[in-house]
Amino acid sequence: MHMASRLYHEYACEPSVSKADIRVALSVLEEPDISSSSPISDGASEVAVVMHTDEEPPTLDIRVTGHSGEWTKKSEEAVQNVIQNVEGVGDLVDSDGGYES
């Protein structure tokens, strides 16, 4: 098992999805959904959101880098769940780091 402090997720999305939509979704993250040992805090202020909605196919990136702590499966799944619950966000198409087993 390997756990990393960085996390990169890329999701398919509709062009109508905005960075504000993603920020609102991330803002609800808090314990107990995210583990205190993970490099993310309540509200997920550490998360960088990069939109590629002008590309074909449109995608969005979620990144957390340079923070101490190690991702837990629970925390990574919580991030993925809130992102994928945003209207217009689809499947996880690429990932790196995070909790790996």
N, C-alpha and C. Protein backbone atom coordinates (compact mmCIF):
# COMPACT_ATOMS: atom_id res chain seq x y z
N MET A 1 0.85 -1.17 0.00
CA MET A 1 0.00 0.00 0.00
C MET A 1 0.89 1.24 0.00
N HIS A 2 0.52 2.24 -0.78
CA HIS A 2 1.26 3.49 -0.86
C HIS A 2 0.29 4.65 -0.74
N MET A 3 0.62 5.59 0.11
CA MET A 3 -0.21 6.78 0.25
C MET A 3 0.64 8.00 -0.07
N ALA A 4 0.08 8.98 -0.70
CA ALA A 4 0.82 10.18 -1.09
C ALA A 4 0.16 11.41 -0.50
N SER A 5 0.95 12.48 -0.39
CA SER A 5 0.37 13.73 0.11
C SER A 5 -0.25 14.54 -1.01
N ARG A 6 0.13 14.25 -2.26
CA ARG A 6 -0.44 15.01 -3.38
C ARG A 6 -1.62 14.22 -3.96
N LEU A 7 -2.49 14.94 -4.61
CA LEU A 7 -3.65 14.33 -5.25
C LEU A 7 -3.92 15.06 -6.55
N TYR A 8 -4.16 14.31 -7.61
CA TYR A 8 -4.55 14.88 -8.90
C TYR A 8 -5.72 14.05 -9.42
N HIS A 9 -6.82 14.70 -9.71
CA HIS A 9 -7.98 14.06 -10.35
C HIS A 9 -8.39 14.90 -11.55
N GLU A 10 -8.71 14.24 -12.64
CA GLU A 10 -9.27 14.90 -13.82
C GLU A 10 -10.64 14.29 -14.09
N TYR A 11 -11.63 15.15 -14.25
CA TYR A 11 -13.01 14.72 -14.47
C TYR A 11 -13.51 15.23 -15.82
N ALA A 12 -14.33 14.41 -16.48
CA ALA A 12 -15.07 14.88 -17.64
C ALA A 12 -16.14 15.84 -17.12
N CYS A 13 -16.45 16.86 -17.91
CA CYS A 13 -17.50 17.80 -17.47
C CYS A 13 -18.13 18.48 -18.68
N GLU A 14 -19.28 19.06 -18.44
CA GLU A 14 -19.95 19.87 -19.44
C GLU A 14 -19.32 21.26 -19.46
N PRO A 15 -19.34 21.95 -20.60
CA PRO A 15 -18.78 23.31 -20.66
C PRO A 15 -19.45 24.29 -19.71
N SER A 16 -20.66 23.99 -19.26
CA SER A 16 -21.39 24.90 -18.37
C SER A 16 -20.90 24.87 -16.93
N VAL A 17 -20.09 23.89 -16.55
CA VAL A 17 -19.59 23.80 -15.18
C VAL A 17 -18.60 24.93 -14.93
N SER A 18 -18.73 25.60 -13.79
CA SER A 18 -17.83 26.71 -13.46
C SER A 18 -16.96 26.37 -12.26
N LYS A 19 -15.88 27.11 -12.12
CA LYS A 19 -15.00 26.95 -10.97
C LYS A 19 -15.78 27.23 -9.68
N ALA A 20 -16.69 28.19 -9.72
CA ALA A 20 -17.50 28.51 -8.54
C ALA A 20 -18.36 27.31 -8.13
N ASP A 21 -18.90 26.58 -9.10
CA ASP A 21 -19.69 25.38 -8.79
C ASP A 21 -18.85 24.37 -8.01
N ILE A 22 -17.61 24.21 -8.45
CA ILE A 22 -16.70 23.24 -7.81
C ILE A 22 -16.32 23.72 -6.42
N ARG A 23 -16.02 25.01 -6.28
CA ARG A 23 -15.65 25.58 -4.97
C ARG A 23 -16.79 25.41 -3.96
N VAL A 24 -18.02 25.64 -4.39
CA VAL A 24 -19.17 25.47 -3.49
C VAL A 24 -19.26 24.01 -3.04
N ALA A 25 -19.08 23.09 -3.97
CA ALA A 25 -19.13 21.67 -3.63
C ALA A 25 -18.04 21.30 -2.63
N LEU A 26 -16.82 21.79 -2.87
CA LEU A 26 -15.70 21.48 -1.97
C LEU A 26 -15.88 22.11 -0.59
N SER A 27 -16.57 23.23 -0.53
CA SER A 27 -16.69 23.96 0.74
C SER A 27 -17.45 23.18 1.80
N VAL A 28 -18.23 22.19 1.40
CA VAL A 28 -18.99 21.41 2.38
C VAL A 28 -18.19 20.28 3.00
N LEU A 29 -16.99 20.02 2.47
CA LEU A 29 -16.17 18.94 3.03
C LEU A 29 -15.73 19.28 4.44
N GLU A 30 -15.94 18.35 5.35
CA GLU A 30 -15.51 18.52 6.73
C GLU A 30 -15.45 17.16 7.40
N GLU A 31 -14.80 17.12 8.56
CA GLU A 31 -14.82 15.88 9.31
C GLU A 31 -16.26 15.55 9.67
N PRO A 32 -16.71 14.34 9.69
CA PRO A 32 -15.94 13.12 9.59
C PRO A 32 -15.73 12.62 8.16
N ASP A 33 -16.19 13.36 7.14
CA ASP A 33 -16.01 12.90 5.75
C ASP A 33 -14.55 12.90 5.33
N ILE A 34 -13.77 13.83 5.86
CA ILE A 34 -12.35 13.87 5.55
C ILE A 34 -11.56 13.60 6.83
N SER A 35 -10.53 12.79 6.71
CA SER A 35 -9.73 12.39 7.86
C SER A 35 -8.75 13.48 8.24
N SER A 36 -8.55 13.66 9.53
CA SER A 36 -7.63 14.70 10.00
C SER A 36 -6.20 14.43 9.58
N SER A 37 -5.86 13.18 9.24
CA SER A 37 -4.50 12.85 8.80
C SER A 37 -4.26 13.19 7.33
N SER A 38 -5.31 13.51 6.59
CA SER A 38 -5.17 13.83 5.16
C SER A 38 -4.77 15.29 4.97
N PRO A 39 -4.10 15.59 3.86
CA PRO A 39 -3.62 16.96 3.61
C PRO A 39 -4.72 17.88 3.07
N ILE A 40 -5.86 17.85 3.71
CA ILE A 40 -6.99 18.67 3.31
C ILE A 40 -7.76 19.02 4.58
N SER A 41 -8.23 20.23 4.67
CA SER A 41 -8.94 20.66 5.87
C SER A 41 -10.40 20.96 5.55
N ASP A 42 -11.19 21.23 6.59
CA ASP A 42 -12.59 21.59 6.39
C ASP A 42 -12.68 22.71 5.36
N GLY A 43 -13.56 22.54 4.38
CA GLY A 43 -13.73 23.54 3.35
C GLY A 43 -12.82 23.39 2.16
N ALA A 44 -11.81 22.53 2.27
CA ALA A 44 -10.92 22.18 1.15
C ALA A 44 -10.25 23.37 0.50
N SER A 45 -9.81 24.33 1.32
CA SER A 45 -9.17 25.53 0.76
C SER A 45 -7.85 25.23 0.06
N GLU A 46 -7.25 24.07 0.33
CA GLU A 46 -5.97 23.69 -0.30
C GLU A 46 -6.12 23.22 -1.73
N VAL A 47 -7.32 22.99 -2.18
CA VAL A 47 -7.54 22.39 -3.49
C VAL A 47 -7.48 23.44 -4.60
N ALA A 48 -6.63 23.17 -5.60
CA ALA A 48 -6.58 24.00 -6.80
C ALA A 48 -7.57 23.41 -7.81
N VAL A 49 -8.34 24.28 -8.42
CA VAL A 49 -9.32 23.87 -9.43
C VAL A 49 -8.93 24.51 -10.75
N VAL A 50 -8.70 23.68 -11.77
CA VAL A 50 -8.32 24.18 -13.09
C VAL A 50 -9.36 23.69 -14.08
N MET A 51 -10.01 24.65 -14.74
CA MET A 51 -11.06 24.32 -15.70
C MET A 51 -10.49 24.27 -17.12
N HIS A 52 -10.90 23.26 -17.88
CA HIS A 52 -10.52 23.14 -19.29
C HIS A 52 -11.80 23.03 -20.12
N THR A 53 -12.76 23.89 -19.83
CA THR A 53 -14.07 23.79 -20.48
C THR A 53 -14.08 24.32 -21.90
N ASP A 54 -12.98 24.98 -22.32
CA ASP A 54 -12.91 25.45 -23.70
C ASP A 54 -12.21 24.44 -24.60
N GLU A 55 -11.84 23.30 -24.05
CA GLU A 55 -11.18 22.25 -24.83
C GLU A 55 -12.20 21.17 -25.18
N GLU A 56 -11.81 20.29 -26.08
CA GLU A 56 -12.69 19.21 -26.49
C GLU A 56 -11.99 17.89 -26.25
N PRO A 57 -12.44 17.02 -25.41
CA PRO A 57 -13.62 17.17 -24.56
C PRO A 57 -13.31 18.05 -23.35
N PRO A 58 -14.31 18.73 -22.82
CA PRO A 58 -14.08 19.58 -21.65
C PRO A 58 -13.79 18.74 -20.40
N THR A 59 -12.84 19.22 -19.59
CA THR A 59 -12.48 18.53 -18.35
C THR A 59 -12.20 19.57 -17.27
N LEU A 60 -12.06 19.08 -16.05
CA LEU A 60 -11.61 19.93 -14.96
C LEU A 60 -10.62 19.13 -14.12
N ASP A 61 -9.63 19.83 -13.57
CA ASP A 61 -8.61 19.21 -12.73
C ASP A 61 -8.79 19.66 -11.29
N ILE A 62 -8.56 18.74 -10.38
CA ILE A 62 -8.53 19.01 -8.95
C ILE A 62 -7.13 18.61 -8.50
N ARG A 63 -6.41 19.53 -7.84
CA ARG A 63 -5.04 19.24 -7.41
C ARG A 63 -4.81 19.69 -5.97
N VAL A 64 -4.12 18.87 -5.21
CA VAL A 64 -3.62 19.24 -3.89
C VAL A 64 -2.15 18.82 -3.88
N THR A 65 -1.25 19.79 -3.72
CA THR A 65 0.18 19.48 -3.69
C THR A 65 0.86 20.24 -2.57
N GLY A 66 1.99 19.71 -2.14
CA GLY A 66 2.84 20.44 -1.20
C GLY A 66 2.33 20.53 0.21
N HIS A 67 1.45 19.65 0.63
CA HIS A 67 0.93 19.68 1.99
C HIS A 67 1.36 18.42 2.73
N SER A 68 1.53 18.53 4.02
CA SER A 68 1.90 17.36 4.81
C SER A 68 0.66 16.51 5.09
N GLY A 69 0.91 15.30 5.45
CA GLY A 69 -0.18 14.36 5.70
C GLY A 69 -0.29 13.38 4.56
N GLU A 70 -1.05 12.33 4.79
CA GLU A 70 -1.24 11.31 3.77
C GLU A 70 -2.73 11.08 3.56
N TRP A 71 -3.10 10.93 2.30
CA TRP A 71 -4.50 10.73 1.96
C TRP A 71 -5.00 9.41 2.52
N THR A 72 -6.22 9.42 2.96
CA THR A 72 -6.91 8.18 3.31
C THR A 72 -7.92 7.89 2.21
N LYS A 73 -8.30 6.64 2.12
CA LYS A 73 -9.30 6.26 1.12
C LYS A 73 -10.58 7.06 1.33
N LYS A 74 -10.98 7.21 2.60
CA LYS A 74 -12.20 7.94 2.94
C LYS A 74 -12.15 9.38 2.45
N SER A 75 -11.03 10.06 2.66
CA SER A 75 -10.91 11.46 2.25
C SER A 75 -10.92 11.60 0.74
N GLU A 76 -10.18 10.73 0.05
CA GLU A 76 -10.15 10.82 -1.41
C GLU A 76 -11.54 10.55 -2.00
N GLU A 77 -12.24 9.56 -1.46
CA GLU A 77 -13.59 9.27 -1.94
C GLU A 77 -14.54 10.42 -1.64
N ALA A 78 -14.37 11.10 -0.51
CA ALA A 78 -15.23 12.24 -0.17
C ALA A 78 -15.05 13.35 -1.19
N VAL A 79 -13.80 13.64 -1.57
CA VAL A 79 -13.53 14.67 -2.58
C VAL A 79 -14.17 14.26 -3.90
N GLN A 80 -13.95 13.02 -4.32
CA GLN A 80 -14.51 12.55 -5.58
C GLN A 80 -16.03 12.63 -5.57
N ASN A 81 -16.65 12.23 -4.48
CA ASN A 81 -18.11 12.24 -4.41
C ASN A 81 -18.70 13.64 -4.53
N VAL A 82 -18.12 14.62 -3.81
CA VAL A 82 -18.70 15.97 -3.89
C VAL A 82 -18.50 16.58 -5.27
N ILE A 83 -17.37 16.28 -5.92
CA ILE A 83 -17.12 16.80 -7.27
C ILE A 83 -18.11 16.17 -8.25
N GLN A 84 -18.27 14.86 -8.17
CA GLN A 84 -19.15 14.19 -9.12
C GLN A 84 -20.62 14.46 -8.86
N ASN A 85 -20.97 15.01 -7.73
CA ASN A 85 -22.35 15.41 -7.46
C ASN A 85 -22.70 16.77 -8.05
N VAL A 86 -21.70 17.49 -8.56
CA VAL A 86 -21.96 18.78 -9.21
C VAL A 86 -22.63 18.50 -10.56
N GLU A 87 -23.72 19.19 -10.83
CA GLU A 87 -24.42 18.99 -12.10
C GLU A 87 -23.49 19.32 -13.26
N GLY A 88 -23.37 18.37 -14.19
CA GLY A 88 -22.52 18.56 -15.37
C GLY A 88 -21.16 17.92 -15.26
N VAL A 89 -20.80 17.41 -14.07
CA VAL A 89 -19.52 16.72 -13.90
C VAL A 89 -19.75 15.23 -14.11
N GLY A 90 -18.86 14.62 -14.90
CA GLY A 90 -19.00 13.20 -15.21
C GLY A 90 -17.97 12.35 -14.52
N ASP A 91 -17.46 11.39 -15.25
CA ASP A 91 -16.55 10.39 -14.71
C ASP A 91 -15.17 10.94 -14.41
N LEU A 92 -14.50 10.29 -13.48
CA LEU A 92 -13.08 10.51 -13.22
C LEU A 92 -12.33 9.88 -14.39
N VAL A 93 -11.57 10.67 -15.15
CA VAL A 93 -10.90 10.15 -16.34
C VAL A 93 -9.41 9.94 -16.15
N ASP A 94 -8.82 10.56 -15.11
CA ASP A 94 -7.40 10.37 -14.83
C ASP A 94 -7.15 10.71 -13.37
N SER A 95 -6.21 10.02 -12.76
CA SER A 95 -5.86 10.33 -11.37
C SER A 95 -4.41 9.96 -11.10
N ASP A 96 -3.84 10.62 -10.11
CA ASP A 96 -2.48 10.34 -9.68
C ASP A 96 -2.38 10.74 -8.21
N GLY A 97 -1.52 10.07 -7.48
CA GLY A 97 -1.34 10.39 -6.07
C GLY A 97 -2.53 9.93 -5.26
N GLY A 98 -2.74 10.58 -4.14
CA GLY A 98 -3.85 10.21 -3.28
C GLY A 98 -3.62 8.89 -2.60
N TYR A 99 -4.68 8.23 -2.27
CA TYR A 99 -4.62 6.94 -1.60
C TYR A 99 -4.55 5.86 -2.66
N GLU A 100 -3.50 5.09 -2.64
CA GLU A 100 -3.33 4.01 -3.62
C GLU A 100 -3.11 2.72 -2.87
N SER A 101 -3.75 1.67 -3.31
CA SER A 101 -3.52 0.38 -2.67
C SER A 101 -3.08 -0.64 -3.70
